[in-house]
Structures are given as structure tokens and as C-alpha cells.
Amino acid sequence: MSKIVILGAGISGHTAAAHLRRKLGKEHEVLVVSPNRNYQWVPSNIWVGIGRMKSKQLIFPLEPLYKRKGIGYKQAKVVSFHPEGNKSEEKPFVTVEYVYGINQGMKENVTYDYLINATGPKLAFELTEGLVPGTNKAYSVCTYDHAEHAWAGLKELISKLKTSDKKAKILIGTGHAKATCQGAAFEYILNVEKELVNHGVRDKAEITWISNEYHLGDFGMDGMLLDYNGFNMKSKDMIEMIFEDRGIKWILGAGVNKVEDGIAHYENLEGEYKSQEFDFAMLIPAFSGHGFKGFDKNDTDITDKLFKGFMIVDADYTPKPYEEWTVQDWPETYQNPSYKNIFAPGIAFAPPHSISKPRKSKNGTDITPAPPRTGMPSGITARLVAENIIDSIKLGKESLHHKGSMGNMGAACIASAGYGMTKGSGVSITTFPIVPDYKKYADTGGRDINKTFGDIGLAGHWVKLALHYAFIYKAKMKPFWWLIPE
């Protein structure tokens, strides 16, 4: 019998648990440890943030589902890692602390044969002074409750605009010099703009995009050359076209470092310190590791064997200049090299470097998007980790047959650009590979132009909405859920 412990119940953790339980016999234990009691389909937080969906439409409780499916569940947070056990426990274990119920505050050592760290990122709002969701007129859509607060703030602003001739300033983008998840902010700014149109107050608002990107459409992936209606177009030009069409201004190469009531302070690549006023803002925070500690069997600190901010996996972390980066730097199995029974798919793994070209301000401040690993890559890497563990258990020896580097993996992104069955819109972008291979695709910006394309229109909204319902169905593990791809 093997015991597989999964830390986290987001896209990666939940996906891994579902596949493990489906393919392993009941004699094997699958246990999920997560501080969250609900699963949430994060991509639809955008629609909660504009009042087009309620939180209940994208969340459901984990415990009843796991109980029906034979998956163990502890509502707890991991505190420390002990991959060699210790003097009182021979097996490897993690120490967890319960966050709810009669055991709240109590700690427990949870042993395992295999460990999947799918804890994802810490939303590091504290790295930007004053960036606290729901304060200083600044909001977030990173969680469903954050998105609810954002809609409350936006709704209040819209009501004021309807009864006043005064104009408002709206600021949306990244709230830190090294933030990622530009895609979520991009969706939100387009949806906010569309809602202002729907409420008849668009002419009363100035909307500005602020980002640490060097070019529009970078999205933390060094931008892309894509096929758009039969023509080759840079993502920079495509997003610029969209923003100009909607009257959205932009500030690029900006590292927001402080937020006061209605004012965002930032440094740009020229080394200038500037500020931007706003009446409503949505700023994506920096993502960071959770600060976990690791200890060996003698309780000696071995954190550096496990973590480099996020968890260390089979990547090449050798420091080298941008010009020497290759797709071979990126992990394929998400296995920790020191402890072969530990894996970290999705956002939990430490990337070897950024994907976008690193840039510093003239003052030496890093202003570069961190690499995105959300959505589709999170699901794909979680499944391949689960498949390798399944094979290893069934074969009785290590099997790493399933591999998937972001350097040879594609991704499809449907970015909502406005909600509505007849007047909605979506920006559809498919890219292959996620990490550009400048050697293999030297003439097309590091990507296969036949698999990298973009489109804009109502069909994108229909697809985005269909995916919402499909992935909620899949997450609830309803009949034949596994036929829906990650």
C-alpha cells in the first residue's frame, strides 16, 4: 500500500488527486491537505469582479466530494517538510496545522510515500507598501472574495458616475515590479471597460493600464509572433490595437512600489519615480513562495535542498545570461532532485529564470514579469506527475515516462473581453511552446507560427463561458470527467 499526500487543492492539487484516485486501487491512500474548504475555478473570478457571476457559481465544498470519491481531506496548512523523517518517525512526513474545526491550531505529522507540493503561490501583497485588497481604493481579483469586494467598489463608482458630471480615473494592471498574471489583469481591464459602456458611463472614465511589461502583450512570455486572420502579427501590435480601439491608455516598464489612498507610486525603466492617481484600481500582487522550512532526520535545516523561493525540481538553475537561456533549462518531471518521492507541479515549482527578457531600471531595480505557470500548464503538469506516481506504484520502481516541459508544451488562453451572449467578446490566443525556443523557431520569435495564433470576437466569449461549465463539471468529477482535457 502507498500513501500519496497532496498539499493544496487548487487546479494542480485537485487535478492530481482526481487522477490518482481514479487509477489507483482503494488499497492506496490519496490524501489532500489544504487550508481552503472550497474549490474555486479561478479564471472566472474576473466575472465575479464585474458582477456578472456570483461566487457560488465557481466554488463548491471539497470535503463532501472527497468523501464520496474516497479521497482523504484535512483542512490544514503545511508548516514544515521532513523528507527523511526524524528521530521519532522513520517515514518522511510534513507537519501540518489545522485551520478549522475542533482541531483548529493543533499540529500533526502526516507521513507519506509520495508527496505532491501543489501549494501554489503566496499572494505577496505585503511586498508592495499599502497594497491591501479593498483599501486605498485598490482591489484584487485573485480570489473569489477579493473579486466580490472589487465588484462592490466598482459598482459604487459606477453609481457615482451616473449621478455626477465628475470624471473618474481607473487603473488596472500589476502592483509590483516582478508581478506575474498579466493575463488576469488584461481580462479585467477589458471587462471593466465593457461594463462602463453597458452602464452608459464610459465617457466619464479614463482607463489606464499599468504593467511591468516592456511591451504590451508580453504577458511574462517575451511576447509572441502569431497568426492573426492569415497575417503575422506581434502580440504587442494586437493588444495595442485593442487598447486603442477601446480608448485605454497604458504605462509600461512600471514597478509599482507603494499605494496610497487613490495614488500608485512607481519606478520606470528610466529610473524615474512617478505616480498615477485613481478612483478605482485593481492591481495584481507579486507571487512568492510560502517560506516553508525543511529539516533532515536530525532536525538540521535543509531548506536549500527543497526550496529556492518555490520548490526545487529538475530544472537547470545555473545562473547565466539571457542570451544563453534555452528550453532545456525548464523541468520535465517536476521531481525534486534530492528527494525523489517529492514533486511540485504548477506554480509550486521554482522556475529556472523568467521567460521575458530581464530588465533593470537605471537605478538597478528589477522590473521584469515573473514567468506565468497558471491555468493550462498547472493542470497538465499535475496530471503528468500523477501518472508517473501511478506507474511507479504499479511497477514497483521509479517510472518517469511522462514528461512535459513548458519548452515543448503549448497553451490556449481565452481572455474574456466583455460578458454577453450577443455582445460579449473574447481574445483567443494559442501559443506553442510556452517558453520560446529561439533555436528551433529562429524566424518566428521562438514559436511555431502554425500553432501560435490569435483571434478576437464573440466566439471567444462563448468558448470562455463553455469552458467555465466544462471545468466545473470536471472538477466535480462527474461521469467521464477525465475525457475533458487539462
Protein backbone atom coordinates (compact mmCIF):
# COMPACT_ATOMS: atom_id res chain seq x y z
CA MET A 1 0.00 0.00 0.00
CA SER A 2 1.21 3.52 -0.85
CA LYS A 3 0.15 6.81 0.66
CA ILE A 4 0.16 9.88 -1.57
CA VAL A 5 -0.21 13.24 0.12
CA ILE A 6 -1.17 16.28 -1.96
CA LEU A 7 -0.59 19.73 -0.48
CA GLY A 8 -3.10 22.17 -1.93
CA ALA A 9 -6.46 21.81 -3.65
CA GLY A 10 -6.21 24.32 -6.47
CA ILE A 11 -6.02 23.39 -10.15
CA SER A 12 -2.80 21.36 -9.72
CA GLY A 13 -3.58 19.65 -6.43
CA HIS A 14 -7.19 18.84 -7.24
CA THR A 15 -6.27 17.55 -10.71
CA ALA A 16 -3.53 15.29 -9.31
CA ALA A 17 -5.82 13.92 -6.59
CA ALA A 18 -8.59 13.15 -9.07
CA HIS A 19 -6.33 11.20 -11.44
CA LEU A 20 -4.59 9.33 -8.63
CA ARG A 21 -7.86 8.22 -7.09
CA ARG A 22 -9.32 7.16 -10.44
CA LYS A 23 -6.36 4.99 -11.41
CA LEU A 24 -5.16 3.57 -8.11
CA GLY A 25 -6.85 0.79 -6.19
CA LYS A 26 -8.57 1.51 -2.86
CA GLU A 27 -5.68 -0.12 -1.00
CA HIS A 28 -3.67 3.02 -1.80
CA GLU A 29 -4.41 6.18 0.17
CA VAL A 30 -4.82 9.57 -1.53
CA LEU A 31 -4.91 12.44 0.95
CA VAL A 32 -5.36 16.15 0.24
CA VAL A 33 -4.19 18.74 2.77
CA SER A 34 -5.43 22.25 2.07
CA PRO A 35 -6.32 25.30 4.18
CA ASN A 36 -9.18 26.02 1.78
CA ARG A 37 -12.57 24.40 2.31
CA ASN A 38 -13.78 25.26 -1.21
CA TYR A 39 -12.52 24.54 -4.69
CA GLN A 40 -12.67 27.61 -6.91
CA TRP A 41 -12.42 27.94 -10.67
CA VAL A 42 -10.06 30.92 -10.57
CA PRO A 43 -10.36 32.04 -14.25
CA SER A 44 -13.99 33.06 -13.65
CA ASN A 45 -13.09 35.41 -10.79
CA ILE A 46 -12.97 38.08 -13.49
CA TRP A 47 -16.74 37.85 -13.96
CA VAL A 48 -17.36 37.98 -10.21
CA GLY A 49 -15.32 41.19 -10.21
CA ILE A 50 -17.76 42.86 -12.63
CA GLY A 51 -20.93 41.48 -11.07
CA ARG A 52 -21.72 39.08 -13.90
CA MET A 53 -21.31 35.96 -11.76
CA LYS A 54 -21.79 35.11 -8.11
CA SER A 55 -19.09 33.31 -6.13
CA LYS A 56 -21.38 30.31 -5.68
CA GLN A 57 -21.21 29.71 -9.43
CA LEU A 58 -17.48 28.96 -9.34
CA ILE A 59 -16.92 27.31 -5.97
CA PHE A 60 -18.03 24.14 -4.22
CA PRO A 61 -17.06 22.47 -0.90
CA LEU A 62 -14.24 19.96 -1.11
CA GLU A 63 -14.95 17.69 1.84
CA PRO A 64 -18.27 16.16 0.61
CA LEU A 65 -16.81 15.48 -2.85
CA TYR A 66 -13.63 13.91 -1.48
CA LYS A 67 -15.64 11.78 0.92
CA ARG A 68 -17.77 10.41 -1.96
CA LYS A 69 -14.72 9.72 -4.11
CA GLY A 70 -12.60 8.08 -1.41
CA ILE A 71 -10.06 10.89 -1.14
CA GLY A 72 -8.85 11.86 2.33
CA TYR A 73 -9.00 15.51 3.29
CA LYS A 74 -7.56 17.64 6.07
CA GLN A 75 -8.36 21.34 6.22
CA ALA A 76 -4.92 22.37 7.34
CA LYS A 77 -1.84 24.25 6.19
CA VAL A 78 1.61 22.72 5.86
CA VAL A 79 4.13 24.10 8.33
CA SER A 80 7.37 22.20 7.61
CA PHE A 81 8.84 19.41 5.49
CA HIS A 82 10.69 16.38 6.90
CA PRO A 83 11.64 14.25 3.88
CA GLU A 84 13.87 11.90 5.95
CA GLY A 85 11.55 11.63 8.95
CA ASN A 86 13.18 12.32 12.31
CA LYS A 87 14.26 10.54 15.48
CA SER A 88 10.69 9.72 16.47
CA GLU A 89 9.26 9.00 12.99
CA GLU A 90 11.08 6.84 10.43
CA LYS A 91 8.86 7.70 7.48
CA PRO A 92 9.04 11.04 5.69
CA PHE A 93 6.35 13.46 6.81
CA VAL A 94 5.05 17.00 6.69
CA THR A 95 3.91 18.86 9.77
CA VAL A 96 0.53 20.47 9.25
CA GLU A 97 -1.61 22.79 11.34
CA TYR A 98 -5.40 22.59 11.28
CA VAL A 99 -7.11 25.86 10.40
CA TYR A 100 -10.75 24.96 11.04
CA GLY A 101 -12.98 22.92 13.35
CA ILE A 102 -12.36 21.37 16.72
CA ASN A 103 -8.71 20.72 15.84
CA GLN A 104 -8.00 24.33 14.82
CA GLY A 105 -4.49 25.34 15.88
CA MET A 106 -3.38 21.77 16.51
CA LYS A 107 -0.38 20.34 14.64
CA GLU A 108 0.02 16.85 13.24
CA ASN A 109 2.77 14.94 11.46
CA VAL A 110 1.38 13.46 8.23
CA THR A 111 3.52 10.67 6.78
CA TYR A 112 3.70 9.83 3.09
CA ASP A 113 5.26 7.58 0.48
CA TYR A 114 4.86 10.21 -2.24
CA LEU A 115 4.36 13.94 -1.75
CA ILE A 116 2.93 16.39 -4.29
CA ASN A 117 3.53 20.00 -3.33
CA ALA A 118 0.76 21.91 -5.10
CA THR A 119 0.60 24.80 -2.66
CA GLY A 120 0.78 27.37 -5.44
CA PRO A 121 1.87 30.92 -4.70
CA LYS A 122 1.55 33.18 -1.74
CA LEU A 123 -0.24 36.37 -2.77
CA ALA A 124 2.51 38.67 -1.55
CA PHE A 125 0.57 41.93 -1.22
CA GLU A 126 2.95 42.96 1.57
CA LEU A 127 5.82 43.32 -0.91
CA THR A 128 4.15 46.50 -2.17
CA GLU A 129 3.62 49.06 0.59
CA GLY A 130 -0.05 49.90 1.03
CA LEU A 131 -1.32 47.26 -1.40
CA VAL A 132 -4.02 45.65 0.73
CA PRO A 133 -7.12 44.41 -1.13
CA GLY A 134 -10.12 46.62 -0.50
CA THR A 135 -8.14 49.54 0.93
CA ASN A 136 -6.73 52.71 -0.65
CA LYS A 137 -9.38 52.32 -3.40
CA ALA A 138 -7.31 49.36 -4.71
CA TYR A 139 -8.69 45.86 -5.19
CA SER A 140 -7.75 42.36 -6.34
CA VAL A 141 -9.46 39.55 -8.26
CA CYS A 142 -7.02 36.82 -7.22
CA THR A 143 -9.63 35.04 -5.07
CA TYR A 144 -13.42 34.93 -5.26
CA ASP A 145 -13.84 37.02 -2.11
CA HIS A 146 -11.37 39.59 -3.40
CA ALA A 147 -13.36 39.70 -6.64
CA GLU A 148 -16.61 40.29 -4.71
CA HIS A 149 -15.01 43.26 -2.96
CA ALA A 150 -13.76 44.57 -6.32
CA TRP A 151 -17.26 44.46 -7.75
CA ALA A 152 -18.62 46.29 -4.71
CA GLY A 153 -16.04 49.02 -5.24
CA LEU A 154 -16.64 49.22 -8.98
CA LYS A 155 -20.41 49.21 -8.53
CA GLU A 156 -20.15 52.12 -6.10
CA LEU A 157 -18.02 54.07 -8.57
CA ILE A 158 -20.47 53.42 -11.42
CA SER A 159 -23.36 54.65 -9.25
CA LYS A 160 -21.47 57.87 -8.50
CA LEU A 161 -20.70 58.42 -12.18
CA LYS A 162 -24.37 58.07 -13.09
CA THR A 163 -25.30 60.93 -10.79
CA SER A 164 -22.35 63.24 -11.35
CA ASP A 165 -20.56 65.03 -14.17
CA LYS A 166 -17.23 64.43 -12.49
CA LYS A 167 -14.80 62.13 -14.35
CA ALA A 168 -13.08 59.19 -12.72
CA LYS A 169 -9.71 57.56 -13.18
CA ILE A 170 -9.41 53.76 -13.28
CA LEU A 171 -6.04 52.00 -13.02
CA ILE A 172 -5.64 48.27 -13.69
CA GLY A 173 -2.53 46.11 -14.07
CA THR A 174 0.36 44.82 -11.98
CA GLY A 175 1.13 46.06 -8.48
CA HIS A 176 4.77 45.03 -8.21
CA ALA A 177 7.92 45.26 -10.34
CA LYS A 178 8.15 41.44 -10.59
CA ALA A 179 4.46 40.52 -10.63
CA THR A 180 3.05 37.92 -12.98
CA CYS A 181 -0.52 37.07 -14.08
CA GLN A 182 -0.78 39.99 -16.51
CA GLY A 183 -3.42 37.94 -18.33
CA ALA A 184 -5.91 38.23 -15.46
CA ALA A 185 -5.41 41.99 -15.28
CA PHE A 186 -5.79 42.20 -19.07
CA GLU A 187 -9.13 40.39 -18.90
CA TYR A 188 -10.32 42.59 -16.09
CA ILE A 189 -9.50 45.89 -17.74
CA LEU A 190 -11.39 44.88 -20.88
CA ASN A 191 -14.38 43.68 -18.85
CA VAL A 192 -14.43 46.85 -16.75
CA GLU A 193 -14.33 48.96 -19.89
CA LYS A 194 -17.25 46.99 -21.35
CA GLU A 195 -19.30 47.35 -18.14
CA LEU A 196 -18.81 51.11 -18.19
CA VAL A 197 -20.19 51.09 -21.72
CA ASN A 198 -23.12 48.92 -20.65
CA HIS A 199 -23.93 51.32 -17.79
CA GLY A 200 -23.66 54.38 -20.03
CA VAL A 201 -20.76 55.99 -18.18
CA ARG A 202 -17.77 55.13 -20.37
CA ASP A 203 -17.31 58.77 -21.36
CA LYS A 204 -16.89 59.68 -17.70
CA ALA A 205 -13.91 57.43 -17.03
CA GLU A 206 -10.25 57.49 -18.01
CA ILE A 207 -8.90 53.92 -18.02
CA THR A 208 -5.17 53.25 -17.75
CA TRP A 209 -3.19 50.01 -17.93
CA ILE A 210 -0.06 49.88 -15.77
CA SER A 211 2.38 46.99 -16.11
CA ASN A 212 5.93 45.82 -15.56
CA GLU A 213 5.94 44.55 -19.17
CA TYR A 214 8.37 46.14 -21.62
CA HIS A 215 5.83 45.78 -24.45
CA LEU A 216 2.09 45.34 -24.45
CA GLY A 217 1.22 41.68 -24.95
CA ASP A 218 4.37 40.42 -23.26
CA PHE A 219 2.30 38.52 -20.66
CA GLY A 220 5.50 37.34 -18.99
CA MET A 221 6.29 35.18 -22.05
CA ASP A 222 8.54 37.56 -24.03
CA GLY A 223 5.58 38.35 -26.26
CA MET A 224 4.87 36.32 -29.37
CA LEU A 225 4.58 36.42 -33.11
CA LEU A 226 1.20 34.97 -34.03
CA ASP A 227 -1.06 34.30 -36.97
CA TYR A 228 -3.99 36.73 -36.97
CA ASN A 229 -6.53 36.27 -39.76
CA GLY A 230 -3.85 34.97 -42.10
CA PHE A 231 -1.31 37.67 -41.30
CA ASN A 232 1.70 37.51 -39.00
CA MET A 233 1.25 39.96 -36.12
CA LYS A 234 3.16 40.60 -32.92
CA SER A 235 1.14 40.28 -29.73
CA LYS A 236 2.36 43.81 -28.98
CA ASP A 237 0.55 45.15 -32.02
CA MET A 238 -2.58 43.10 -31.37
CA ILE A 239 -3.01 44.33 -27.78
CA GLU A 240 -2.13 47.89 -28.79
CA MET A 241 -4.88 47.70 -31.42
CA ILE A 242 -7.39 46.50 -28.81
CA PHE A 243 -6.46 49.21 -26.30
CA GLU A 244 -6.56 51.97 -28.88
CA ASP A 245 -9.96 50.76 -30.11
CA ARG A 246 -11.30 50.98 -26.55
CA GLY A 247 -9.59 54.20 -25.58
CA ILE A 248 -7.40 52.59 -22.93
CA LYS A 249 -4.13 54.34 -22.08
CA TRP A 250 -1.04 52.46 -20.94
CA ILE A 251 2.06 52.81 -18.76
CA LEU A 252 4.76 50.17 -19.35
CA GLY A 253 8.00 49.18 -17.65
CA ALA A 254 6.49 50.26 -14.35
CA GLY A 255 7.34 48.76 -10.98
CA VAL A 256 4.65 49.83 -8.52
CA ASN A 257 6.26 50.13 -5.08
CA LYS A 258 3.71 51.98 -2.95
CA VAL A 259 -0.04 52.53 -2.93
CA GLU A 260 -1.69 55.34 -1.01
CA ASP A 261 -5.34 56.35 -0.99
CA GLY A 262 -6.01 56.83 -4.70
CA ILE A 263 -2.34 57.10 -5.70
CA ALA A 264 0.02 54.44 -7.11
CA HIS A 265 3.72 55.26 -6.89
CA TYR A 266 6.04 53.53 -9.34
CA GLU A 267 9.53 53.48 -10.78
CA ASN A 268 10.06 53.12 -14.51
CA LEU A 269 12.93 51.69 -16.51
CA GLU A 270 14.37 55.18 -16.99
CA GLY A 271 14.82 55.31 -13.22
CA GLU A 272 12.14 57.97 -12.81
CA TYR A 273 9.84 57.91 -9.79
CA LYS A 274 6.31 58.78 -10.77
CA SER A 275 2.75 58.43 -9.53
CA GLN A 276 -0.68 57.80 -11.01
CA GLU A 277 -3.92 58.90 -9.40
CA PHE A 278 -7.02 56.71 -9.45
CA ASP A 279 -10.56 56.47 -8.11
CA PHE A 280 -10.60 52.68 -8.55
CA ALA A 281 -7.70 50.29 -9.09
CA MET A 282 -7.17 46.57 -9.48
CA LEU A 283 -3.52 45.64 -9.10
CA ILE A 284 -2.15 42.09 -9.24
CA PRO A 285 0.33 41.49 -6.40
CA ALA A 286 3.68 39.73 -6.57
CA PHE A 287 3.59 35.95 -6.16
CA SER A 288 6.09 34.34 -3.82
CA GLY A 289 6.84 31.04 -2.15
CA HIS A 290 5.26 30.40 1.23
CA GLY A 291 8.53 30.45 3.18
CA PHE A 292 8.40 26.75 4.08
CA LYS A 293 11.27 25.17 6.01
CA GLY A 294 12.75 21.70 5.55
CA PHE A 295 14.60 19.52 8.08
CA ASP A 296 16.53 16.25 7.87
CA LYS A 297 16.28 13.27 10.25
CA ASN A 298 18.46 15.11 12.80
CA ASP A 299 16.27 18.24 12.55
CA THR A 300 19.04 20.11 10.73
CA ASP A 301 17.77 22.77 8.37
CA ILE A 302 17.86 21.56 4.74
CA THR A 303 15.55 24.18 3.25
CA ASP A 304 18.06 24.89 0.48
CA LYS A 305 17.65 21.30 -0.79
CA LEU A 306 13.93 21.79 -1.18
CA PHE A 307 13.27 25.43 -1.91
CA LYS A 308 14.52 28.29 -3.98
CA GLY A 309 11.61 30.53 -3.11
CA PHE A 310 9.36 27.88 -4.69
CA MET A 311 10.22 24.17 -4.70
CA ILE A 312 13.37 22.97 -6.46
CA VAL A 313 12.68 20.49 -9.27
CA ASP A 314 14.54 19.01 -12.26
CA ALA A 315 15.39 22.38 -13.81
CA ASP A 316 18.79 23.89 -14.60
CA TYR A 317 19.19 26.68 -12.05
CA THR A 318 22.71 27.62 -13.14
CA PRO A 319 22.89 31.43 -13.34
CA LYS A 320 23.56 32.51 -16.92
CA PRO A 321 22.87 35.49 -19.18
CA TYR A 322 19.60 35.80 -21.08
CA GLU A 323 21.33 35.02 -24.37
CA GLU A 324 22.27 31.56 -23.06
CA TRP A 325 18.81 30.57 -21.81
CA THR A 326 17.33 27.56 -23.56
CA VAL A 327 14.17 25.47 -23.30
CA GLN A 328 16.36 22.70 -21.84
CA ASP A 329 16.63 24.79 -18.64
CA TRP A 330 12.99 24.01 -17.86
CA PRO A 331 11.83 20.96 -15.86
CA GLU A 332 10.18 17.90 -17.41
CA THR A 333 9.09 15.74 -14.47
CA TYR A 334 8.80 18.29 -11.59
CA GLN A 335 10.65 15.91 -9.30
CA ASN A 336 12.85 17.23 -6.52
CA PRO A 337 16.44 16.07 -7.27
CA SER A 338 17.32 15.44 -3.61
CA TYR A 339 14.17 13.55 -2.63
CA LYS A 340 12.79 11.52 -5.50
CA ASN A 341 9.37 10.96 -3.95
CA ILE A 342 8.57 14.70 -3.85
CA PHE A 343 7.06 16.55 -6.82
CA ALA A 344 5.93 20.14 -7.41
CA PRO A 345 3.71 20.83 -10.44
CA GLY A 346 2.01 24.11 -11.38
CA ILE A 347 3.00 27.33 -9.70
CA ALA A 348 4.66 25.46 -6.82
CA PHE A 349 7.88 24.73 -8.74
CA ALA A 350 10.74 27.19 -8.88
CA PRO A 351 11.31 28.37 -12.45
CA PRO A 352 14.95 28.43 -13.61
CA HIS A 353 14.57 32.05 -14.72
CA SER A 354 12.00 34.42 -16.15
CA ILE A 355 10.72 33.87 -19.69
CA SER A 356 10.67 37.53 -20.66
CA LYS A 357 13.98 39.28 -21.18
CA PRO A 358 15.13 40.56 -17.75
CA ARG A 359 15.36 44.33 -17.42
CA LYS A 360 16.53 46.68 -14.71
CA SER A 361 15.80 50.35 -14.18
CA LYS A 362 18.67 52.80 -14.34
CA ASN A 363 18.62 52.59 -10.54
CA GLY A 364 19.23 48.84 -10.66
CA THR A 365 15.67 47.77 -9.79
CA ASP A 366 14.47 44.57 -11.46
CA ILE A 367 11.34 45.37 -13.47
CA THR A 368 10.50 42.12 -15.24
CA PRO A 369 7.39 39.91 -15.27
CA ALA A 370 7.78 36.63 -13.41
CA PRO A 371 7.02 33.56 -15.57
CA PRO A 372 3.34 32.52 -15.69
CA ARG A 373 2.53 28.89 -14.76
CA THR A 374 -1.20 29.16 -14.16
CA GLY A 375 -4.20 27.55 -15.83
CA MET A 376 -3.47 25.00 -18.52
CA PRO A 377 0.20 24.34 -17.58
CA SER A 378 -0.86 23.75 -13.95
CA GLY A 379 -3.33 21.06 -14.97
CA ILE A 380 -1.01 19.39 -17.47
CA THR A 381 1.97 19.21 -15.11
CA ALA A 382 -0.23 17.93 -12.27
CA ARG A 383 -1.57 15.13 -14.44
CA LEU A 384 1.87 14.02 -15.63
CA VAL A 385 3.15 13.98 -12.03
CA ALA A 386 0.15 11.86 -11.04
CA GLU A 387 0.71 9.49 -13.98
CA ASN A 388 4.37 8.99 -13.03
CA ILE A 389 3.45 8.20 -9.43
CA ILE A 390 0.76 5.78 -10.60
CA ASP A 391 3.22 3.99 -12.89
CA SER A 392 5.88 3.87 -10.17
CA ILE A 393 3.44 2.29 -7.71
CA LYS A 394 2.16 -0.26 -10.19
CA LEU A 395 5.63 -1.20 -11.45
CA GLY A 396 7.21 -1.22 -8.00
CA LYS A 397 10.05 1.00 -9.16
CA GLU A 398 10.55 4.62 -10.22
CA SER A 399 8.99 5.47 -13.57
CA LEU A 400 9.27 8.92 -15.11
CA HIS A 401 7.93 8.08 -18.54
CA HIS A 402 5.52 11.02 -18.59
CA LYS A 403 7.30 14.29 -19.30
CA GLY A 404 6.21 17.77 -20.18
CA SER A 405 8.46 20.81 -20.33
CA MET A 406 6.98 24.26 -20.83
CA GLY A 407 9.59 24.44 -23.58
CA ASN A 408 7.71 21.82 -25.62
CA MET A 409 4.20 22.41 -24.26
CA GLY A 410 1.54 24.60 -25.81
CA ALA A 411 -1.18 26.59 -24.09
CA ALA A 412 -4.51 28.05 -25.12
CA CYS A 413 -5.80 31.18 -23.42
CA ILE A 414 -9.27 32.61 -23.86
CA ALA A 415 -9.25 36.07 -22.32
CA SER A 416 -12.68 37.49 -21.68
CA ALA A 417 -13.03 40.94 -23.23
CA GLY A 418 -16.62 41.59 -22.15
CA TYR A 419 -19.55 39.50 -20.90
CA GLY A 420 -22.68 38.93 -23.01
CA MET A 421 -24.19 36.18 -25.14
CA THR A 422 -24.75 38.53 -28.10
CA LYS A 423 -22.44 41.44 -27.32
CA GLY A 424 -19.67 39.70 -25.41
CA SER A 425 -16.13 39.27 -26.70
CA GLY A 426 -13.02 37.24 -26.11
CA VAL A 427 -9.37 37.42 -27.12
CA SER A 428 -8.26 33.90 -28.03
CA ILE A 429 -4.52 33.19 -28.11
CA THR A 430 -2.85 29.82 -28.61
CA THR A 431 0.90 29.59 -28.25
CA PHE A 432 3.42 26.80 -28.83
CA PRO A 433 5.71 26.42 -27.00
CA ILE A 434 5.07 28.46 -23.85
CA VAL A 435 8.79 29.05 -23.33
CA PRO A 436 10.10 30.27 -26.67
CA ASP A 437 12.62 28.06 -28.46
CA TYR A 438 14.71 30.60 -30.34
CA LYS A 439 16.89 27.92 -31.92
CA LYS A 440 14.15 25.70 -33.31
CA TYR A 441 11.89 28.58 -34.37
CA ALA A 442 14.51 31.22 -35.07
CA ASP A 443 12.48 33.05 -37.73
CA THR A 444 9.17 33.24 -35.87
CA GLY A 445 10.03 34.61 -32.44
CA GLY A 446 10.79 31.26 -30.84
CA ARG A 447 7.38 29.73 -31.57
CA ASP A 448 5.70 27.58 -34.19
CA ILE A 449 3.65 30.06 -36.22
CA ASN A 450 1.32 27.25 -37.29
CA LYS A 451 0.35 26.65 -33.65
CA THR A 452 0.54 30.23 -32.38
CA PHE A 453 -2.42 32.34 -33.40
CA GLY A 454 -4.89 34.91 -32.13
CA ASP A 455 -8.46 35.96 -32.74
CA ILE A 456 -10.94 38.46 -31.33
CA GLY A 457 -14.71 38.21 -31.25
CA LEU A 458 -17.97 36.94 -29.80
CA ALA A 459 -16.99 33.29 -30.33
CA GLY A 460 -14.21 33.75 -27.79
CA HIS A 461 -16.76 34.69 -25.13
CA TRP A 462 -18.88 31.62 -25.90
CA VAL A 463 -15.81 29.38 -25.62
CA LYS A 464 -14.74 31.02 -22.35
CA LEU A 465 -18.23 30.52 -20.89
CA ALA A 466 -18.39 26.92 -22.13
CA LEU A 467 -15.02 26.21 -20.52
CA HIS A 468 -16.29 27.59 -17.22
CA TYR A 469 -19.07 25.00 -17.08
CA ALA A 470 -16.89 22.21 -18.52
CA PHE A 471 -14.15 22.65 -15.94
CA ILE A 472 -16.57 22.95 -13.03
CA TYR A 473 -18.08 19.66 -14.26
CA LYS A 474 -14.60 18.15 -14.47
CA ALA A 475 -13.59 19.42 -11.02
CA LYS A 476 -16.72 17.86 -9.50
CA MET A 477 -15.57 14.54 -11.01
CA LYS A 478 -18.87 13.87 -12.69
CA PRO A 479 -19.31 10.94 -15.15
CA PHE A 480 -16.46 10.72 -17.70
CA TRP A 481 -14.85 13.87 -16.32
CA TRP A 482 -11.42 12.61 -17.39
CA LEU A 483 -12.36 12.96 -21.07
CA ILE A 484 -12.17 16.76 -20.67
CA PRO A 485 -8.53 17.72 -21.30
CA GLU A 486 -6.50 19.68 -18.76
